[in-house]
Amino acid sequence: MKNTALITGASSGIGMELARIHAEQGGDLIIVARRKDKLEALKAELENKHSIKVITIAKDLSKAEAAKELYSEVQQLNIKVDYLINNAGFGLRGKFYELSWERQQQMINLNMVALTELMYQFLPEMVKRNSGKILNTSSTASFMPGPLQAIYFATKAYVTFLSNAIAEELHDTNITVTNLMPGATETEFAQTSGMDKTGLFEKTVTARSVAEDGYNAMLKGKIDVVSGLTFSQNLMMKAIPFTPKKTILKQIRQMQEVN
C-alpha cells in the first residue's frame, strides 16, 4: 500500500469525508469503525471510483484494549501508516450526574484514551523514519467548559492540549500533529448526542467542508484549524477570554438546552 491513511470513525460524517478526500488524492486507506457494513460500502465506493486499496477493520474503540488490538492488526498486515487520523468520537447531552456512567466512560475511552494510545503506538515508527502526519478531530468545545456536555467538552480540551503539546515535542522532526476544531456540523453526532434540537445546531456546515479544512491543514502541517463557525459564533469565541466565566457558563448551558 502507498501513501496510506488510517482513519477512525470512518463510517459516517467527517471521517467518511476524510476518507473520500484522501482517496481522491490517490492514497490508500485503512478505515476503522464499529459498523462493518458501512465500512464495506465505503470500501467498494472508493476502490471502484479511485482504483486504490482500502482495508476495513471493524472495531469498537470505546472498549479497553481496542486501540492496542487495532495497532497489532495493522502490524500483522505489515502496512506503513503515513497519516494517522483520529476522528472517532461521540458526545452526550444532559446533566453529568444523571447520565449513564457506562456511556460517559465509553466516551472518555473513545475520545481520549483510544486517540492517545494510537498516537503512542504509531509515533515511534514515524519518528524512526522521520516522516508522517497526524490529524486529531477535537472541537470548538475545547475552548470552554460545557455545562450539559461536561465530559464531552472536557475530552475535547484534552485532545486539543495533547495535540498541541506533542506537535511542539516534534518540532525538530518532519512529523506534524494537526488539531481540527469543528463547530456544529451535519453529522450523526447531533442525533447521537441529543444536540439536534438545541440552539447550538440551528445552523450547521457540511461534513465535507470541515473535512477539507482539516485535511488541507494536515498537509500544510498546521497546529490548529477551526472550521464551520458562523459569524456570531466566531465573535463569541473571540470574546471568551474577556467575558466573566459565569456568563460564559450560562450562555453555553442555554445554547445546549432543548428548544
Foldseek 3Di string as FASTA:
>chain_A
DPQEEEFEPCLWFLNVLLVQVCLVVVYEYEYEEQDPVSQVVSQVVSCVVRVHHYHYDHFLQLDPCRLVVVLVVVVVVVDQHQEYELEDAAFAFAAPVPDDPVVLSSRCRRLAVSVVVNCVSNVVVCVVVLGHEYEYEAAPLLLAAAGRGRSNSVSSVVVLVVQLVVQVVCVVTHYAGAYQHEFQEPICRCVRHVQCQFQSNPDHYYSNQSSVQRVVCRVVRHHYDYDTDDPVRVVVSVCVVVDPRVVVRVVNVRRRDGD
